[in-house]
């Protein structure tokens, strides 16, 4: 038997006071591709902005902009 590794993907909330992973509380801990991670986050009410930032359902892009 050989041990192998591969990249795995999940999103992390971009709010400066958070850091929650998109997979917390979900059925899976990571995805084998970026599309799976994005779809899972979107289906979990995450906000994905046009500038590539990601926010959990507790935080919103406007909150992040007001902090900075």
N, C-alpha and C. Protein backbone atom coordinates (compact mmCIF):
# COMPACT_ATOMS: atom_id res chain seq x y z
N UNK A 1 0.85 -1.17 0.00
CA UNK A 1 0.00 0.00 0.00
C UNK A 1 0.90 1.24 0.00
N UNK A 2 0.53 2.23 -0.80
CA UNK A 2 1.24 3.50 -0.86
C UNK A 2 0.38 4.60 -0.27
N UNK A 3 1.03 5.56 0.33
CA UNK A 3 0.33 6.73 0.84
C UNK A 3 0.48 7.84 -0.20
N UNK A 4 -0.63 8.44 -0.57
CA UNK A 4 -0.62 9.50 -1.56
C UNK A 4 -1.33 10.73 -1.00
N UNK A 5 -1.03 11.87 -1.56
CA UNK A 5 -1.73 13.08 -1.15
C UNK A 5 -2.21 13.83 -2.38
N UNK A 6 -3.16 14.66 -2.17
CA UNK A 6 -3.71 15.46 -3.25
C UNK A 6 -4.18 16.78 -2.65
N UNK A 7 -4.29 17.81 -3.46
CA UNK A 7 -4.83 19.06 -2.92
C UNK A 7 -6.32 18.90 -2.63
N UNK A 8 -6.75 19.52 -1.57
CA UNK A 8 -8.17 19.55 -1.22
C UNK A 8 -8.57 21.00 -1.02
N UNK A 9 -9.85 21.29 -1.20
CA UNK A 9 -10.31 22.66 -1.24
C UNK A 9 -11.49 22.90 -0.31
N UNK A 10 -11.50 24.10 0.28
CA UNK A 10 -12.62 24.63 1.04
C UNK A 10 -12.45 26.13 1.04
N UNK A 11 -13.47 26.85 1.39
CA UNK A 11 -13.39 28.30 1.45
C UNK A 11 -13.21 28.72 2.91
N UNK A 12 -12.57 29.86 3.12
CA UNK A 12 -12.42 30.45 4.43
C UNK A 12 -13.00 31.86 4.37
N UNK A 13 -13.82 32.21 5.35
CA UNK A 13 -14.45 33.52 5.37
C UNK A 13 -13.39 34.62 5.39
N UNK A 14 -13.55 35.62 4.51
CA UNK A 14 -12.60 36.72 4.40
C UNK A 14 -12.86 37.85 5.40
N UNK A 15 -13.88 37.73 6.22
CA UNK A 15 -14.11 38.76 7.24
C UNK A 15 -12.94 38.72 8.21
N UNK A 16 -12.37 39.87 8.57
CA UNK A 16 -11.14 39.89 9.38
C UNK A 16 -11.28 39.26 10.76
N UNK A 17 -12.47 39.16 11.29
CA UNK A 17 -12.66 38.60 12.64
C UNK A 17 -13.25 37.20 12.61
N UNK A 18 -13.19 36.51 11.49
CA UNK A 18 -13.88 35.22 11.38
C UNK A 18 -12.93 34.06 11.14
N UNK A 19 -12.74 33.71 9.87
CA UNK A 19 -11.89 32.57 9.52
C UNK A 19 -12.64 31.24 9.47
N UNK A 20 -13.98 31.27 9.51
CA UNK A 20 -14.76 30.04 9.44
C UNK A 20 -14.55 29.34 8.11
N UNK A 21 -14.47 28.01 8.14
CA UNK A 21 -14.34 27.21 6.92
C UNK A 21 -15.73 26.91 6.37
N UNK A 22 -15.84 26.86 5.06
CA UNK A 22 -17.13 26.59 4.42
C UNK A 22 -17.64 25.20 4.73
N UNK A 23 -16.78 24.31 5.16
CA UNK A 23 -17.19 22.93 5.41
C UNK A 23 -17.61 22.69 6.86
N UNK A 24 -17.47 23.70 7.74
CA UNK A 24 -17.85 23.52 9.14
C UNK A 24 -19.34 23.23 9.24
N UNK A 25 -19.67 22.18 9.94
CA UNK A 25 -21.06 21.78 10.10
C UNK A 25 -21.64 21.04 8.91
N UNK A 26 -20.82 20.80 7.90
CA UNK A 26 -21.29 20.12 6.71
C UNK A 26 -20.98 18.63 6.73
N UNK A 27 -21.38 17.98 5.68
CA UNK A 27 -21.18 16.54 5.55
C UNK A 27 -19.75 16.19 5.16
N UNK A 28 -19.05 17.11 4.47
CA UNK A 28 -17.70 16.85 3.99
C UNK A 28 -16.72 17.85 4.63
N UNK A 29 -15.48 17.44 4.78
CA UNK A 29 -14.47 18.33 5.35
C UNK A 29 -13.67 19.07 4.28
N UNK A 30 -13.71 18.58 3.04
CA UNK A 30 -12.99 19.22 1.94
C UNK A 30 -13.50 18.65 0.63
N UNK A 31 -13.14 19.33 -0.46
CA UNK A 31 -13.53 18.90 -1.79
C UNK A 31 -12.29 18.65 -2.63
N UNK A 32 -12.41 17.79 -3.60
CA UNK A 32 -11.26 17.45 -4.44
C UNK A 32 -11.03 18.47 -5.56
N UNK A 33 -11.99 19.39 -5.76
CA UNK A 33 -11.82 20.42 -6.78
C UNK A 33 -12.40 21.74 -6.29
N UNK A 34 -11.95 22.82 -6.88
CA UNK A 34 -12.40 24.15 -6.47
C UNK A 34 -13.88 24.36 -6.74
N UNK A 35 -14.38 23.81 -7.84
CA UNK A 35 -15.79 23.98 -8.17
C UNK A 35 -16.69 23.37 -7.10
N UNK A 36 -16.32 22.21 -6.60
CA UNK A 36 -17.09 21.55 -5.54
C UNK A 36 -17.11 22.40 -4.28
N UNK A 37 -15.98 22.98 -3.93
CA UNK A 37 -15.90 23.83 -2.74
C UNK A 37 -16.77 25.08 -2.92
N UNK A 38 -16.72 25.70 -4.09
CA UNK A 38 -17.51 26.89 -4.36
C UNK A 38 -19.01 26.58 -4.32
N UNK A 39 -19.40 25.48 -4.94
CA UNK A 39 -20.81 25.10 -4.97
C UNK A 39 -21.32 24.81 -3.56
N UNK A 40 -20.52 24.10 -2.76
CA UNK A 40 -20.91 23.79 -1.39
C UNK A 40 -21.09 25.07 -0.59
N UNK A 41 -20.18 26.02 -0.71
CA UNK A 41 -20.28 27.28 0.02
C UNK A 41 -21.51 28.06 -0.43
N UNK A 42 -21.75 28.13 -1.72
CA UNK A 42 -22.91 28.84 -2.25
C UNK A 42 -24.20 28.24 -1.71
N UNK A 43 -24.27 26.90 -1.68
CA UNK A 43 -25.45 26.21 -1.18
C UNK A 43 -25.61 26.34 0.33
N UNK A 44 -24.56 26.80 1.01
CA UNK A 44 -24.61 27.01 2.46
C UNK A 44 -24.80 28.49 2.80
N UNK A 45 -25.31 29.26 1.85
CA UNK A 45 -25.61 30.69 2.03
C UNK A 45 -24.38 31.57 2.20
N UNK A 46 -23.25 31.14 1.68
CA UNK A 46 -22.07 32.01 1.68
C UNK A 46 -22.24 33.04 0.57
N UNK A 47 -21.62 34.20 0.75
CA UNK A 47 -21.61 35.24 -0.27
C UNK A 47 -20.24 35.21 -0.95
N UNK A 48 -20.26 35.12 -2.26
CA UNK A 48 -19.02 35.13 -3.03
C UNK A 48 -19.06 36.38 -3.89
N UNK A 49 -18.13 37.29 -3.66
CA UNK A 49 -18.16 38.58 -4.34
C UNK A 49 -17.44 38.53 -5.67
N UNK A 50 -17.67 39.55 -6.48
CA UNK A 50 -17.05 39.60 -7.80
C UNK A 50 -15.54 39.81 -7.72
N UNK A 51 -15.06 40.33 -6.59
CA UNK A 51 -13.61 40.52 -6.45
C UNK A 51 -12.92 39.32 -5.81
N UNK A 52 -13.64 38.20 -5.72
CA UNK A 52 -13.03 36.95 -5.26
C UNK A 52 -13.00 36.74 -3.77
N UNK A 53 -13.71 37.56 -3.00
CA UNK A 53 -13.77 37.35 -1.55
C UNK A 53 -14.96 36.47 -1.21
N UNK A 54 -14.83 35.79 -0.07
CA UNK A 54 -15.85 34.84 0.35
C UNK A 54 -16.25 35.13 1.79
N UNK A 55 -17.56 35.13 2.05
CA UNK A 55 -18.07 35.45 3.37
C UNK A 55 -19.07 34.40 3.82
N UNK A 56 -18.92 33.96 5.08
CA UNK A 56 -19.85 32.99 5.64
C UNK A 56 -21.22 33.63 5.82
N UNK A 57 -22.21 32.83 6.20
CA UNK A 57 -23.56 33.35 6.34
C UNK A 57 -23.71 34.32 7.51
N UNK A 58 -22.71 34.41 8.39
CA UNK A 58 -22.73 35.35 9.51
C UNK A 58 -22.22 36.74 9.12
N UNK A 59 -21.46 36.82 8.04
CA UNK A 59 -20.84 38.09 7.64
C UNK A 59 -21.21 38.42 6.20
N UNK A 60 -21.17 39.69 5.90
CA UNK A 60 -21.54 40.16 4.58
C UNK A 60 -20.47 41.11 4.06
N UNK A 61 -20.33 41.23 2.76
CA UNK A 61 -19.30 42.09 2.19
C UNK A 61 -19.33 43.52 2.70
N UNK A 62 -20.48 44.11 2.87
CA UNK A 62 -20.56 45.50 3.33
C UNK A 62 -19.98 45.65 4.73
N UNK A 63 -20.16 44.65 5.59
CA UNK A 63 -19.58 44.70 6.94
C UNK A 63 -18.06 44.76 6.84
N UNK A 64 -17.46 43.98 5.94
CA UNK A 64 -16.01 43.96 5.78
C UNK A 64 -15.50 45.31 5.28
N UNK A 65 -16.22 45.91 4.34
CA UNK A 65 -15.81 47.20 3.79
C UNK A 65 -15.88 48.28 4.85
N UNK A 66 -16.89 48.23 5.74
CA UNK A 66 -17.02 49.24 6.79
C UNK A 66 -15.90 49.13 7.81
N UNK A 67 -15.33 47.93 8.01
CA UNK A 67 -14.27 47.73 8.98
C UNK A 67 -12.93 48.28 8.50
N UNK A 68 -12.74 48.38 7.18
CA UNK A 68 -11.42 48.70 6.68
C UNK A 68 -11.28 50.04 6.13
